[in-house]
């Protein structure tokens, strides 16, 4: 994902409105979902460079525990809609 950690945290807080969640340090959250939980961890990656433009990257790791496949898909769709930005 092309995003700085501070921007990701802002986007994530908006996306998680209405969900029970708790921060576990600076780069991890645990989100209660139907039947289980999702632990989401992130870490900065190397910047991508296109000519003079440098874009920060972020590596995301999703660990679902006891969450049915349909609920996983619904949450990922919800997260995608809330973190999607303009562009091609």
PDB file of N, CA and C in Angstrom:
ATOM      1  N   UNK A   1       0.854  -1.160   0.000  1.00  0.00           N
ATOM      2  CA  UNK A   1       0.000   0.000   0.000  1.00  0.00           C
ATOM      3  C   UNK A   1       0.901   1.225   0.000  1.00  0.00           C
ATOM      4  N   UNK A   2       0.567   2.208  -0.811  1.00  0.00           N
ATOM      5  CA  UNK A   2       1.334   3.447  -0.835  1.00  0.00           C
ATOM      6  C   UNK A   2       0.714   4.418   0.165  1.00  0.00           C
ATOM      7  N   UNK A   3       1.330   4.465   1.337  1.00  0.00           N
ATOM      8  CA  UNK A   3       0.753   5.254   2.422  1.00  0.00           C
ATOM      9  C   UNK A   3       1.798   5.391   3.531  1.00  0.00           C
ATOM     10  N   UNK A   4       1.820   6.532   4.190  1.00  0.00           N
ATOM     11  CA  UNK A   4       2.675   6.723   5.361  1.00  0.00           C
ATOM     12  C   UNK A   4       1.938   6.193   6.591  1.00  0.00           C
ATOM     13  N   UNK A   5       2.654   5.735   7.614  1.00  0.00           N
ATOM     14  CA  UNK A   5       1.989   5.190   8.800  1.00  0.00           C
ATOM     15  C   UNK A   5       0.974   6.146   9.439  1.00  0.00           C
ATOM     16  N   UNK A   6       1.281   7.434   9.526  1.00  0.00           N
ATOM     17  CA  UNK A   6       0.332   8.375  10.137  1.00  0.00           C
ATOM     18  C   UNK A   6      -0.940   8.498   9.306  1.00  0.00           C
ATOM     19  N   UNK A   7      -0.802   8.500   7.986  1.00  0.00           N
ATOM     20  CA  UNK A   7      -1.979   8.560   7.118  1.00  0.00           C
ATOM     21  C   UNK A   7      -2.800   7.280   7.258  1.00  0.00           C
ATOM     22  N   UNK A   8      -2.129   6.130   7.321  1.00  0.00           N
ATOM     23  CA  UNK A   8      -2.819   4.848   7.471  1.00  0.00           C
ATOM     24  C   UNK A   8      -3.624   4.820   8.772  1.00  0.00           C
ATOM     25  N   UNK A   9      -3.033   5.290   9.869  1.00  0.00           N
ATOM     26  CA  UNK A   9      -3.739   5.281  11.144  1.00  0.00           C
ATOM     27  C   UNK A   9      -4.990   6.156  11.089  1.00  0.00           C
ATOM     28  N   UNK A  10      -4.903   7.283  10.404  1.00  0.00           N
ATOM     29  CA  UNK A  10      -6.071   8.155  10.252  1.00  0.00           C
ATOM     30  C   UNK A  10      -7.158   7.454   9.430  1.00  0.00           C
ATOM     31  N   UNK A  11      -6.770   6.848   8.312  1.00  0.00           N
ATOM     32  CA  UNK A  11      -7.729   6.126   7.470  1.00  0.00           C
ATOM     33  C   UNK A  11      -8.338   4.948   8.227  1.00  0.00           C
ATOM     34  N   UNK A  12      -7.503   4.237   8.981  1.00  0.00           N
ATOM     35  CA  UNK A  12      -7.963   3.056   9.704  1.00  0.00           C
ATOM     36  C   UNK A  12      -8.979   3.423  10.779  1.00  0.00           C
ATOM     37  N   UNK A  13      -8.743   4.501  11.499  1.00  0.00           N
ATOM     38  CA  UNK A  13      -9.693   4.912  12.539  1.00  0.00           C
ATOM     39  C   UNK A  13     -11.065   5.190  11.951  1.00  0.00           C
ATOM     40  N   UNK A  14     -11.096   5.826  10.795  1.00  0.00           N
ATOM     41  CA  UNK A  14     -12.382   6.082  10.134  1.00  0.00           C
ATOM     42  C   UNK A  14     -13.030   4.780   9.684  1.00  0.00           C
ATOM     43  N   UNK A  15     -12.237   3.874   9.148  1.00  0.00           N
ATOM     44  CA  UNK A  15     -12.765   2.603   8.648  1.00  0.00           C
ATOM     45  C   UNK A  15     -13.291   1.723   9.776  1.00  0.00           C
ATOM     46  N   UNK A  16     -12.718   1.859  10.970  1.00  0.00           N
ATOM     47  CA  UNK A  16     -13.121   1.004  12.086  1.00  0.00           C
ATOM     48  C   UNK A  16     -14.252   1.584  12.922  1.00  0.00           C
ATOM     49  N   UNK A  17     -14.752   2.751  12.558  1.00  0.00           N
ATOM     50  CA  UNK A  17     -15.890   3.329  13.287  1.00  0.00           C
ATOM     51  C   UNK A  17     -17.036   2.314  13.256  1.00  0.00           C
ATOM     52  N   UNK A  18     -17.594   2.035  14.411  1.00  0.00           N
ATOM     53  CA  UNK A  18     -18.677   1.064  14.492  1.00  0.00           C
ATOM     54  C   UNK A  18     -18.209  -0.348  14.805  1.00  0.00           C
ATOM     55  N   UNK A  19     -16.910  -0.584  14.815  1.00  0.00           N
ATOM     56  CA  UNK A  19     -16.355  -1.884  15.176  1.00  0.00           C
ATOM     57  C   UNK A  19     -15.668  -1.767  16.539  1.00  0.00           C
ATOM     58  N   UNK A  20     -15.710  -2.832  17.309  1.00  0.00           N
ATOM     59  CA  UNK A  20     -14.955  -2.873  18.561  1.00  0.00           C
ATOM     60  C   UNK A  20     -13.511  -3.214  18.213  1.00  0.00           C
ATOM     61  N   UNK A  21     -12.581  -2.350  18.615  1.00  0.00           N
ATOM     62  CA  UNK A  21     -11.174  -2.591  18.305  1.00  0.00           C
ATOM     63  C   UNK A  21     -10.302  -1.988  19.388  1.00  0.00           C
ATOM     64  N   UNK A  22      -9.063  -2.465  19.450  1.00  0.00           N
ATOM     65  CA  UNK A  22      -8.106  -1.947  20.425  1.00  0.00           C
ATOM     66  C   UNK A  22      -6.726  -1.912  19.792  1.00  0.00           C
ATOM     67  N   UNK A  23      -6.020  -0.815  20.029  1.00  0.00           N
ATOM     68  CA  UNK A  23      -4.636  -0.702  19.568  1.00  0.00           C
ATOM     69  C   UNK A  23      -3.765  -1.591  20.444  1.00  0.00           C
ATOM     70  N   UNK A  24      -2.796  -2.236  19.819  1.00  0.00           N
ATOM     71  CA  UNK A  24      -1.832  -3.067  20.542  1.00  0.00           C
ATOM     72  C   UNK A  24      -0.439  -2.587  20.148  1.00  0.00           C
ATOM     73  N   UNK A  25      -0.060  -1.451  20.682  1.00  0.00           N
ATOM     74  CA  UNK A  25       1.202  -0.828  20.296  1.00  0.00           C
ATOM     75  C   UNK A  25       0.966   0.192  19.193  1.00  0.00           C
ATOM     76  N   UNK A  26       2.052   0.658  18.597  1.00  0.00           N
ATOM     77  CA  UNK A  26       1.966   1.702  17.579  1.00  0.00           C
ATOM     78  C   UNK A  26       1.590   1.192  16.201  1.00  0.00           C
ATOM     79  N   UNK A  27       1.750  -0.100  15.955  1.00  0.00           N
ATOM     80  CA  UNK A  27       1.567  -0.608  14.594  1.00  0.00           C
ATOM     81  C   UNK A  27       0.732  -1.880  14.538  1.00  0.00           C
ATOM     82  N   UNK A  28      -0.229  -1.999  15.457  1.00  0.00           N
ATOM     83  CA  UNK A  28      -1.075  -3.188  15.453  1.00  0.00           C
ATOM     84  C   UNK A  28      -2.410  -2.876  16.110  1.00  0.00           C
ATOM     85  N   UNK A  29      -3.476  -3.443  15.554  1.00  0.00           N
ATOM     86  CA  UNK A  29      -4.800  -3.352  16.163  1.00  0.00           C
ATOM     87  C   UNK A  29      -5.443  -4.733  16.134  1.00  0.00           C
ATOM     88  N   UNK A  30      -6.349  -4.949  17.069  1.00  0.00           N
ATOM     89  CA  UNK A  30      -7.159  -6.172  17.099  1.00  0.00           C
ATOM     90  C   UNK A  30      -8.604  -5.726  16.990  1.00  0.00           C
ATOM     91  N   UNK A  31      -9.306  -6.317  16.020  1.00  0.00           N
ATOM     92  CA  UNK A  31     -10.669  -5.913  15.698  1.00  0.00           C
ATOM     93  C   UNK A  31     -11.599  -7.093  15.934  1.00  0.00           C
ATOM     94  N   UNK A  32     -12.650  -6.889  16.721  1.00  0.00           N
ATOM     95  CA  UNK A  32     -13.640  -7.939  16.952  1.00  0.00           C
ATOM     96  C   UNK A  32     -14.558  -8.014  15.737  1.00  0.00           C
ATOM     97  N   UNK A  33     -14.673  -9.212  15.180  1.00  0.00           N
ATOM     98  CA  UNK A  33     -15.567  -9.455  14.052  1.00  0.00           C
ATOM     99  C   UNK A  33     -16.445 -10.649  14.391  1.00  0.00           C
ATOM    100  N   UNK A  34     -17.515 -10.852  13.641  1.00  0.00           N
ATOM    101  CA  UNK A  34     -18.438 -11.961  13.892  1.00  0.00           C
ATOM    102  C   UNK A  34     -17.685 -13.287  13.963  1.00  0.00           C
ATOM    103  N   UNK A  35     -17.795 -13.960  15.083  1.00  0.00           N
ATOM    104  CA  UNK A  35     -17.191 -15.270  15.226  1.00  0.00           C
ATOM    105  C   UNK A  35     -15.725 -15.272  15.602  1.00  0.00           C
ATOM    106  N   UNK A  36     -15.077 -14.129  15.660  1.00  0.00           N
ATOM    107  CA  UNK A  36     -13.651 -14.118  15.975  1.00  0.00           C
ATOM    108  C   UNK A  36     -13.066 -12.731  15.963  1.00  0.00           C
ATOM    109  N   UNK A  37     -11.842 -12.633  15.467  1.00  0.00           N
ATOM    110  CA  UNK A  37     -11.146 -11.348  15.479  1.00  0.00           C
ATOM    111  C   UNK A  37     -10.132 -11.287  14.342  1.00  0.00           C
ATOM    112  N   UNK A  38      -9.727 -10.073  14.051  1.00  0.00           N
ATOM    113  CA  UNK A  38      -8.679  -9.807  13.076  1.00  0.00           C
ATOM    114  C   UNK A  38      -7.570  -9.048  13.787  1.00  0.00           C
ATOM    115  N   UNK A  39      -6.351  -9.528  13.665  1.00  0.00           N
ATOM    116  CA  UNK A  39      -5.190  -8.782  14.128  1.00  0.00           C
ATOM    117  C   UNK A  39      -4.530  -8.211  12.887  1.00  0.00           C
ATOM    118  N   UNK A  40      -4.377  -6.914  12.872  1.00  0.00           N
ATOM    119  CA  UNK A  40      -3.825  -6.203  11.721  1.00  0.00           C
ATOM    120  C   UNK A  40      -2.540  -5.508  12.156  1.00  0.00           C
ATOM    121  N   UNK A  41      -1.453  -5.843  11.477  1.00  0.00           N
ATOM    122  CA  UNK A  41      -0.133  -5.289  11.798  1.00  0.00           C
ATOM    123  C   UNK A  41       0.417  -4.600  10.560  1.00  0.00           C
ATOM    124  N   UNK A  42       1.144  -3.502  10.742  1.00  0.00           N
ATOM    125  CA  UNK A  42       1.739  -2.805   9.603  1.00  0.00           C
ATOM    126  C   UNK A  42       3.158  -2.360   9.931  1.00  0.00           C
ATOM    127  N   UNK A  43       3.936  -2.200   8.861  1.00  0.00           N
ATOM    128  CA  UNK A  43       5.322  -1.741   8.991  1.00  0.00           C
ATOM    129  C   UNK A  43       5.697  -0.965   7.735  1.00  0.00           C
ATOM    130  N   UNK A  44       6.470   0.100   7.884  1.00  0.00           N
ATOM    131  CA  UNK A  44       6.898   0.863   6.706  1.00  0.00           C
ATOM    132  C   UNK A  44       7.755   0.000   5.781  1.00  0.00           C
ATOM    133  N   UNK A  45       7.562   0.210   4.500  1.00  0.00           N
ATOM    134  CA  UNK A  45       8.376  -0.464   3.491  1.00  0.00           C
ATOM    135  C   UNK A  45       9.257   0.557   2.796  1.00  0.00           C
ATOM    136  N   UNK A  46      10.006   0.117   1.809  1.00  0.00           N
ATOM    137  CA  UNK A  46      10.860   1.054   1.070  1.00  0.00           C
ATOM    138  C   UNK A  46      10.009   1.991   0.217  1.00  0.00           C
ATOM    139  N   UNK A  47      10.456   3.210   0.071  1.00  0.00           N
ATOM    140  CA  UNK A  47       9.736   4.180  -0.765  1.00  0.00           C
ATOM    141  C   UNK A  47       9.821   3.752  -2.227  1.00  0.00           C
ATOM    142  N   UNK A  48       8.761   4.014  -2.966  1.00  0.00           N
ATOM    143  CA  UNK A  48       8.763   3.789  -4.414  1.00  0.00           C
ATOM    144  C   UNK A  48       9.050   5.121  -5.077  1.00  0.00           C
ATOM    145  N   UNK A  49       9.878   5.075  -6.084  1.00  0.00           N
ATOM    146  CA  UNK A  49      10.239   6.314  -6.767  1.00  0.00           C
ATOM    147  C   UNK A  49       9.877   6.223  -8.238  1.00  0.00           C
ATOM    148  N   UNK A  50       9.173   7.250  -8.713  1.00  0.00           N
ATOM    149  CA  UNK A  50       8.821   7.404 -10.120  1.00  0.00           C
ATOM    150  C   UNK A  50       9.342   8.778 -10.522  1.00  0.00           C
ATOM    151  N   UNK A  51      10.412   8.792 -11.303  1.00  0.00           N
ATOM    152  CA  UNK A  51      11.089  10.047 -11.664  1.00  0.00           C
ATOM    153  C   UNK A  51      11.457  10.775 -10.372  1.00  0.00           C
ATOM    154  N   UNK A  52      10.954  11.984 -10.152  1.00  0.00           N
ATOM    155  CA  UNK A  52      11.280  12.733  -8.940  1.00  0.00           C
ATOM    156  C   UNK A  52      10.265  12.520  -7.815  1.00  0.00           C
ATOM    157  N   UNK A  53       9.241  11.737  -8.072  1.00  0.00           N
ATOM    158  CA  UNK A  53       8.191  11.481  -7.084  1.00  0.00           C
ATOM    159  C   UNK A  53       8.563  10.278  -6.218  1.00  0.00           C
ATOM    160  N   UNK A  54       8.538  10.474  -4.898  1.00  0.00           N
ATOM    161  CA  UNK A  54       8.795   9.378  -3.956  1.00  0.00           C
ATOM    162  C   UNK A  54       7.515   9.109  -3.174  1.00  0.00           C
ATOM    163  N   UNK A  55       7.081   7.847  -3.187  1.00  0.00           N
ATOM    164  CA  UNK A  55       5.867   7.444  -2.490  1.00  0.00           C
ATOM    165  C   UNK A  55       6.213   6.501  -1.343  1.00  0.00           C
ATOM    166  N   UNK A  56       5.728   6.785  -0.137  1.00  0.00           N
ATOM    167  CA  UNK A  56       5.980   5.863   0.970  1.00  0.00           C
ATOM    168  C   UNK A  56       5.177   4.580   0.754  1.00  0.00           C
ATOM    169  N   UNK A  57       5.674   3.471   1.271  1.00  0.00           N
ATOM    170  CA  UNK A  57       4.910   2.225   1.203  1.00  0.00           C
ATOM    171  C   UNK A  57       4.724   1.673   2.602  1.00  0.00           C
ATOM    172  N   UNK A  58       3.711   0.844   2.729  1.00  0.00           N
ATOM    173  CA  UNK A  58       3.377   0.238   4.004  1.00  0.00           C
ATOM    174  C   UNK A  58       3.050  -1.228   3.744  1.00  0.00           C
ATOM    175  N   UNK A  59       3.671  -2.117   4.504  1.00  0.00           N
ATOM    176  CA  UNK A  59       3.367  -3.542   4.415  1.00  0.00           C
ATOM    177  C   UNK A  59       2.298  -3.848   5.466  1.00  0.00           C
ATOM    178  N   UNK A  60       1.209  -4.485   5.047  1.00  0.00           N
ATOM    179  CA  UNK A  60       0.115  -4.832   5.947  1.00  0.00           C
ATOM    180  C   UNK A  60       0.039  -6.342   6.094  1.00  0.00           C
ATOM    181  N   UNK A  61      -0.251  -6.814   7.302  1.00  0.00           N
ATOM    182  CA  UNK A  61      -0.425  -8.243   7.560  1.00  0.00           C
ATOM    183  C   UNK A  61      -1.773  -8.431   8.255  1.00  0.00           C
ATOM    184  N   UNK A  62      -2.630  -9.245   7.659  1.00  0.00           N
ATOM    185  CA  UNK A  62      -3.959  -9.526   8.189  1.00  0.00           C
ATOM    186  C   UNK A  62      -3.966 -10.948   8.743  1.00  0.00           C
ATOM    187  N   UNK A  63      -4.333 -11.128  10.008  1.00  0.00           N
ATOM    188  CA  UNK A  63      -4.427 -12.454  10.620  1.00  0.00           C
ATOM    189  C   UNK A  63      -5.836 -12.619  11.192  1.00  0.00           C
ATOM    190  N   UNK A  64      -6.685 -13.333  10.456  1.00  0.00           N
ATOM    191  CA  UNK A  64      -8.047 -13.599  10.909  1.00  0.00           C
ATOM    192  C   UNK A  64      -8.032 -14.839  11.795  1.00  0.00           C
ATOM    193  N   UNK A  65      -8.790 -14.785  12.888  1.00  0.00           N
ATOM    194  CA  UNK A  65      -8.879 -15.914  13.807  1.00  0.00           C
ATOM    195  C   UNK A  65     -10.348 -16.199  14.089  1.00  0.00           C
ATOM    196  N   UNK A  66     -10.849 -17.320  13.571  1.00  0.00           N
ATOM    197  CA  UNK A  66     -12.227 -17.724  13.829  1.00  0.00           C
ATOM    198  C   UNK A  66     -13.280 -16.913  13.097  1.00  0.00           C
ATOM    199  N   UNK A  67     -12.891 -16.172  12.075  1.00  0.00           N
ATOM    200  CA  UNK A  67     -13.834 -15.340  11.318  1.00  0.00           C
ATOM    201  C   UNK A  67     -14.261 -16.110  10.069  1.00  0.00           C
ATOM    202  N   UNK A  68     -15.569 -16.331   9.883  1.00  0.00           N
ATOM    203  CA  UNK A  68     -16.042 -17.059   8.705  1.00  0.00           C
ATOM    204  C   UNK A  68     -15.662 -16.334   7.406  1.00  0.00           C
ATOM    205  N   UNK A  69     -15.448 -17.091   6.326  1.00  0.00           N
ATOM    206  CA  UNK A  69     -15.038 -16.489   5.047  1.00  0.00           C
ATOM    207  C   UNK A  69     -15.936 -15.343   4.567  1.00  0.00           C
ATOM    208  N   UNK A  70     -17.236 -15.473   4.704  1.00  0.00           N
ATOM    209  CA  UNK A  70     -18.143 -14.407   4.249  1.00  0.00           C
ATOM    210  C   UNK A  70     -17.921 -13.122   5.040  1.00  0.00           C
ATOM    211  N   UNK A  71     -17.674 -13.253   6.342  1.00  0.00           N
ATOM    212  CA  UNK A  71     -17.422 -12.078   7.183  1.00  0.00           C
ATOM    213  C   UNK A  71     -16.063 -11.458   6.844  1.00  0.00           C
ATOM    214  N   UNK A  72     -15.088 -12.303   6.531  1.00  0.00           N
ATOM    215  CA  UNK A  72     -13.775 -11.792   6.104  1.00  0.00           C
ATOM    216  C   UNK A  72     -13.927 -10.944   4.850  1.00  0.00           C
ATOM    217  N   UNK A  73     -14.636 -11.489   3.865  1.00  0.00           N
ATOM    218  CA  UNK A  73     -14.829 -10.765   2.605  1.00  0.00           C
ATOM    219  C   UNK A  73     -15.572  -9.460   2.826  1.00  0.00           C
ATOM    220  N   UNK A  74     -16.605  -9.488   3.661  1.00  0.00           N
ATOM    221  CA  UNK A  74     -17.384  -8.275   3.925  1.00  0.00           C
ATOM    222  C   UNK A  74     -16.510  -7.215   4.596  1.00  0.00           C
ATOM    223  N   UNK A  75     -15.684  -7.630   5.563  1.00  0.00           N
ATOM    224  CA  UNK A  75     -14.827  -6.658   6.236  1.00  0.00           C
ATOM    225  C   UNK A  75     -13.782  -6.095   5.281  1.00  0.00           C
ATOM    226  N   UNK A  76     -13.171  -6.951   4.472  1.00  0.00           N
ATOM    227  CA  UNK A  76     -12.146  -6.480   3.534  1.00  0.00           C
ATOM    228  C   UNK A  76     -12.751  -5.512   2.515  1.00  0.00           C
ATOM    229  N   UNK A  77     -13.964  -5.777   2.069  1.00  0.00           N
ATOM    230  CA  UNK A  77     -14.656  -4.864   1.151  1.00  0.00           C
ATOM    231  C   UNK A  77     -14.894  -3.521   1.848  1.00  0.00           C
ATOM    232  N   UNK A  78     -15.343  -3.564   3.092  1.00  0.00           N
ATOM    233  CA  UNK A  78     -15.584  -2.355   3.890  1.00  0.00           C
ATOM    234  C   UNK A  78     -14.280  -1.561   4.061  1.00  0.00           C
ATOM    235  N   UNK A  79     -13.206  -2.250   4.421  1.00  0.00           N
ATOM    236  CA  UNK A  79     -11.918  -1.584   4.611  1.00  0.00           C
ATOM    237  C   UNK A  79     -11.429  -0.965   3.309  1.00  0.00           C
ATOM    238  N   UNK A  80     -11.576  -1.690   2.217  1.00  0.00           N
ATOM    239  CA  UNK A  80     -11.146  -1.179   0.917  1.00  0.00           C
ATOM    240  C   UNK A  80     -11.904   0.098   0.554  1.00  0.00           C
ATOM    241  N   UNK A  81     -13.203   0.108   0.782  1.00  0.00           N
ATOM    242  CA  UNK A  81     -14.001   1.295   0.461  1.00  0.00           C
ATOM    243  C   UNK A  81     -13.580   2.505   1.289  1.00  0.00           C
ATOM    244  N   UNK A  82     -13.194   2.277   2.539  1.00  0.00           N
ATOM    245  CA  UNK A  82     -12.820   3.388   3.417  1.00  0.00           C
ATOM    246  C   UNK A  82     -11.376   3.845   3.255  1.00  0.00           C
ATOM    247  N   UNK A  83     -10.552   3.036   2.627  1.00  0.00           N
ATOM    248  CA  UNK A  83      -9.152   3.427   2.454  1.00  0.00           C
ATOM    249  C   UNK A  83      -8.812   3.721   1.001  1.00  0.00           C
ATOM    250  N   UNK A  84      -9.772   3.552   0.114  1.00  0.00           N
ATOM    251  CA  UNK A  84      -9.539   3.808  -1.311  1.00  0.00           C
ATOM    252  C   UNK A  84      -9.402   5.310  -1.543  1.00  0.00           C
ATOM    253  N   UNK A  85      -8.398   5.654  -2.317  1.00  0.00           N
ATOM    254  CA  UNK A  85      -8.193   7.054  -2.666  1.00  0.00           C
ATOM    255  C   UNK A  85      -8.248   7.179  -4.175  1.00  0.00           C
ATOM    256  N   UNK A  86      -8.325   8.383  -4.668  1.00  0.00           N
ATOM    257  CA  UNK A  86      -8.403   8.618  -6.113  1.00  0.00           C
ATOM    258  C   UNK A  86      -7.182   8.101  -6.850  1.00  0.00           C
ATOM    259  N   UNK A  87      -7.293   8.049  -8.128  1.00  0.00           N
ATOM    260  CA  UNK A  87      -6.172   7.580  -8.941  1.00  0.00           C
ATOM    261  C   UNK A  87      -6.639   6.547  -9.938  1.00  0.00           C
ATOM    262  N   UNK A  88      -5.696   6.003 -10.663  1.00  0.00           N
ATOM    263  CA  UNK A  88      -6.041   5.067 -11.728  1.00  0.00           C
ATOM    264  C   UNK A  88      -5.891   3.692 -11.352  1.00  0.00           C
TER     265      UNK A  88
END
